[in-house]
Amino acid sequence: MTPEQKAELKITIEQRIVDIEVNIKSLEETSKPVAPDNALGRLTRMDAMQIQKMQEANLQTARSNIVKLQEGLSKINEDSFGQCHYCKGMIGFERLKALPESNMCIECAEKYGG
């Protein structure tokens, strides 16, 4: 990977972290438990609780992605940056550009479901 590509990925990762942090603030609000004293009908309450659970899962995913992105950012100047966790081959630049939190090449992602 060229120094220019690493610099471009660094900018991409930093921007993705900022975007996710903004999203996390919104998810924290929408993943709060539904208050039992809200005057909701039974189905509406169940819908609200289901939405709350989905937002909670989205929040966990966002937090996990932040950790992965920060790890990638801390290793961006190492020779192993962009190396597949499984096969140890290099992850394609375009894949890293689209999914900078990825730790697998396309072949291993298809094989192992990542």
Protein backbone atom coordinates (compact mmCIF):
# COMPACT_ATOMS: atom_id res chain seq x y z
CA MET A 1 0.00 0.00 0.00
CA THR A 2 1.41 3.36 -0.98
CA PRO A 3 1.92 6.22 1.50
CA GLU A 4 -0.70 8.20 -0.44
CA GLN A 5 -3.25 5.41 -0.05
CA LYS A 6 -2.51 5.19 3.68
CA ALA A 7 -2.96 8.97 3.99
CA GLU A 8 -6.28 8.73 2.15
CA LEU A 9 -7.42 5.86 4.39
CA LYS A 10 -6.39 7.80 7.49
CA ILE A 11 -8.67 10.66 6.45
CA THR A 12 -11.47 8.19 5.66
CA ILE A 13 -11.10 6.48 9.05
CA GLU A 14 -11.02 9.76 10.96
CA GLN A 15 -14.16 10.97 9.16
CA ARG A 16 -15.93 7.66 9.73
CA ILE A 17 -15.16 7.90 13.47
CA VAL A 18 -16.66 11.40 13.61
CA ASP A 19 -19.75 10.25 11.70
CA ILE A 20 -20.28 7.26 13.96
CA GLU A 21 -19.81 9.35 17.10
CA VAL A 22 -22.58 11.67 15.91
CA ASN A 23 -24.76 8.65 15.14
CA ILE A 24 -24.06 7.18 18.58
CA LYS A 25 -25.49 10.27 20.27
CA SER A 26 -28.72 9.84 18.33
CA LEU A 27 -28.83 6.10 18.99
CA GLU A 28 -28.35 6.64 22.71
CA GLU A 29 -31.51 8.74 22.75
CA THR A 30 -33.61 6.33 20.73
CA SER A 31 -32.41 3.22 22.57
CA LYS A 32 -33.60 4.39 25.98
CA PRO A 33 -36.19 2.08 27.56
CA VAL A 34 -39.83 2.87 26.87
CA ALA A 35 -41.34 4.40 30.00
CA PRO A 36 -44.21 2.30 31.36
CA ASP A 37 -46.23 5.39 32.22
CA ASN A 38 -46.46 6.51 28.57
CA ALA A 39 -50.07 6.38 27.42
CA LEU A 40 -49.51 3.99 24.51
CA GLY A 41 -51.79 1.29 23.25
CA ARG A 42 -50.60 -2.29 23.65
CA LEU A 43 -49.46 -2.70 20.02
CA THR A 44 -47.89 0.74 19.90
CA ARG A 45 -46.01 -0.04 23.11
CA MET A 46 -44.79 -3.33 21.65
CA ASP A 47 -43.68 -1.52 18.48
CA ALA A 48 -41.85 1.09 20.56
CA MET A 49 -40.12 -1.63 22.57
CA GLN A 50 -39.10 -3.46 19.39
CA ILE A 51 -37.70 -0.26 17.87
CA GLN A 52 -35.84 0.41 21.12
CA LYS A 53 -34.24 -3.07 20.96
CA MET A 54 -33.20 -2.57 17.33
CA GLN A 55 -31.67 0.80 18.17
CA GLU A 56 -29.85 -0.82 21.09
CA ALA A 57 -28.34 -3.38 18.68
CA ASN A 58 -27.39 -0.58 16.27
CA LEU A 59 -25.72 1.25 19.14
CA GLN A 60 -23.64 -1.81 20.03
CA THR A 61 -22.60 -2.22 16.39
CA ALA A 62 -21.62 1.45 16.16
CA ARG A 63 -19.52 1.22 19.31
CA SER A 64 -17.83 -1.93 18.02
CA ASN A 65 -17.04 -0.20 14.71
CA ILE A 66 -15.51 2.76 16.56
CA VAL A 67 -13.16 0.40 18.40
CA LYS A 68 -12.16 -1.32 15.14
CA LEU A 69 -11.60 2.01 13.40
CA GLN A 70 -9.49 3.33 16.27
CA GLU A 71 -7.40 0.14 16.23
CA GLY A 72 -6.88 0.54 12.48
CA LEU A 73 -5.93 4.16 12.91
CA SER A 74 -3.36 3.28 15.57
CA LYS A 75 -1.79 0.69 13.23
CA ILE A 76 -1.94 2.65 9.99
CA ASN A 77 1.82 3.23 9.89
CA GLU A 78 2.71 -0.40 10.60
CA ASP A 79 3.64 -2.79 7.80
CA SER A 80 0.82 -5.14 8.84
CA PHE A 81 -1.85 -2.47 8.28
CA GLY A 82 -4.35 -3.74 5.73
CA GLN A 83 -3.39 -7.36 6.24
CA CYS A 84 -6.16 -9.97 6.34
CA HIS A 85 -6.66 -11.46 9.79
CA TYR A 86 -7.11 -14.96 8.33
CA CYS A 87 -4.97 -15.48 5.24
CA LYS A 88 -2.44 -12.72 5.99
CA GLY A 89 -2.80 -11.42 2.43
CA MET A 90 -3.37 -7.75 1.79
CA ILE A 91 -6.90 -6.37 1.88
CA GLY A 92 -7.64 -4.45 -1.29
CA PHE A 93 -7.45 -0.66 -1.10
CA GLU A 94 -10.99 -0.23 -2.46
CA ARG A 95 -12.36 -2.58 0.22
CA LEU A 96 -10.54 -0.66 2.95
CA LYS A 97 -11.81 2.60 1.48
CA ALA A 98 -15.41 1.32 1.61
CA LEU A 99 -15.08 -0.60 4.92
CA PRO A 100 -12.06 0.75 6.79
CA GLU A 101 -13.03 -1.29 9.86
CA SER A 102 -12.65 -4.53 7.89
CA ASN A 103 -9.95 -6.96 8.96
CA MET A 104 -10.59 -9.50 6.17
CA CYS A 105 -9.97 -9.61 2.45
CA ILE A 106 -12.98 -10.24 0.22
CA GLU A 107 -12.17 -13.93 -0.23
CA CYS A 108 -11.98 -14.59 3.53
CA ALA A 109 -15.05 -12.43 4.18
CA GLU A 110 -17.02 -14.60 1.75
CA LYS A 111 -15.56 -17.78 3.21
CA TYR A 112 -15.94 -16.88 6.91
CA GLY A 113 -18.94 -14.56 6.71
CA GLY A 114 -17.36 -11.23 7.54
